[in-house]
Protein backbone atom coordinates (compact mmCIF):
# COMPACT_ATOMS: atom_id res chain seq x y z
CA UNK A 1 13.53 -4.42 27.85
CA UNK A 2 13.68 -1.01 26.15
CA UNK A 3 12.26 -0.18 22.75
CA UNK A 4 15.69 -0.11 21.17
CA UNK A 5 16.40 -3.67 22.35
CA UNK A 6 13.29 -4.91 20.54
CA UNK A 7 14.22 -6.09 17.03
CA UNK A 8 10.77 -5.03 15.75
CA UNK A 9 11.00 -1.45 17.04
CA UNK A 10 10.81 1.18 14.29
CA UNK A 11 11.29 4.81 15.23
CA UNK A 12 9.03 7.62 14.06
CA UNK A 13 11.88 9.04 11.96
CA UNK A 14 12.30 5.64 10.26
CA UNK A 15 8.57 5.45 9.49
CA UNK A 16 8.66 8.98 8.09
CA UNK A 17 11.64 8.12 5.90
CA UNK A 18 9.98 4.93 4.62
CA UNK A 19 6.74 6.81 3.84
CA UNK A 20 8.73 9.45 1.95
CA UNK A 21 10.56 6.80 -0.09
CA UNK A 22 7.33 4.93 -0.93
CA UNK A 23 5.88 8.18 -2.33
CA UNK A 24 8.59 8.29 -5.02
CA UNK A 25 7.28 6.73 -8.26
CA UNK A 26 8.90 3.42 -9.32
CA UNK A 27 11.53 3.55 -6.56
CA UNK A 28 8.76 3.50 -3.97
CA UNK A 29 7.13 0.47 -5.57
CA UNK A 30 10.42 -1.39 -5.65
CA UNK A 31 11.11 -0.51 -2.02
CA UNK A 32 7.66 -1.72 -0.95
CA UNK A 33 8.58 -5.16 -2.27
CA UNK A 34 12.05 -5.02 -0.70
CA UNK A 35 10.68 -4.02 2.71
CA UNK A 36 7.82 -6.55 2.48
CA UNK A 37 10.10 -9.54 1.93
CA UNK A 38 13.63 -8.67 3.10
CA UNK A 39 15.14 -7.95 6.46
CA UNK A 40 14.42 -9.21 9.94
CA UNK A 41 11.96 -6.54 11.18
CA UNK A 42 8.58 -8.28 11.33
CA UNK A 43 6.69 -5.08 12.07
CA UNK A 44 7.94 -3.39 8.91
CA UNK A 45 7.47 -6.53 6.82
CA UNK A 46 3.88 -6.98 7.99
CA UNK A 47 3.01 -3.34 7.27
CA UNK A 48 4.31 -3.50 3.70
CA UNK A 49 2.74 -6.92 3.11
CA UNK A 50 -0.60 -5.47 4.22
CA UNK A 51 -0.02 -2.54 1.85
CA UNK A 52 0.58 -5.00 -1.02
CA UNK A 53 -2.55 -6.96 -0.05
CA UNK A 54 -4.67 -3.79 -0.19
CA UNK A 55 -3.13 -2.93 -3.56
CA UNK A 56 -4.03 -6.40 -4.88
CA UNK A 57 -7.60 -6.10 -3.58
CA UNK A 58 -8.17 -2.70 -5.21
CA UNK A 59 -6.44 -3.75 -8.45
CA UNK A 60 -8.65 -6.86 -8.60
CA UNK A 61 -11.78 -4.76 -8.10
CA UNK A 62 -10.64 -2.39 -10.85
CA UNK A 63 -9.92 -5.24 -13.24
CA UNK A 64 -13.26 -6.86 -12.40
CA UNK A 65 -15.09 -3.63 -13.22
CA UNK A 66 -13.34 -3.35 -16.57
CA UNK A 67 -13.83 -7.04 -17.40
CA UNK A 68 -17.53 -6.85 -16.68
CA UNK A 69 -17.62 -4.32 -19.49
CA UNK A 70 -19.72 -1.78 -17.70
CA UNK A 71 -16.72 -0.02 -16.22
CA UNK A 72 -17.40 3.55 -17.41
CA UNK A 73 -21.08 3.40 -16.41
CA UNK A 74 -20.28 2.00 -12.96
CA UNK A 75 -17.53 4.56 -12.39
CA UNK A 76 -19.87 7.40 -13.50
CA UNK A 77 -22.50 6.13 -11.05
CA UNK A 78 -19.93 6.00 -8.22
CA UNK A 79 -18.72 9.49 -9.11
CA UNK A 80 -22.25 10.92 -9.13
CA UNK A 81 -23.11 9.24 -5.84
CA UNK A 82 -20.01 10.81 -4.28
CA UNK A 83 -20.92 14.19 -5.81
CA UNK A 84 -17.50 14.58 -7.42
CA UNK A 85 -18.74 15.72 -10.81
């Protein structure tokens, strides 16, 4: 069985195109949802579902920091520990 016969095969050019499209504001976000839940390519769907999962994790952490109320102090501490100031 060759790569092109595999329904989950995605070429390098296709990956590059999808990465380019996801970098476009608003359109990229919409396409992430489209590619995560539509179509029959499981490889592409799983990648974009994982991308959405990471987004949810980081958004939850950000919201948690703000809700705790110490958001600016925590972020300043993180920034100083990374030496970004």
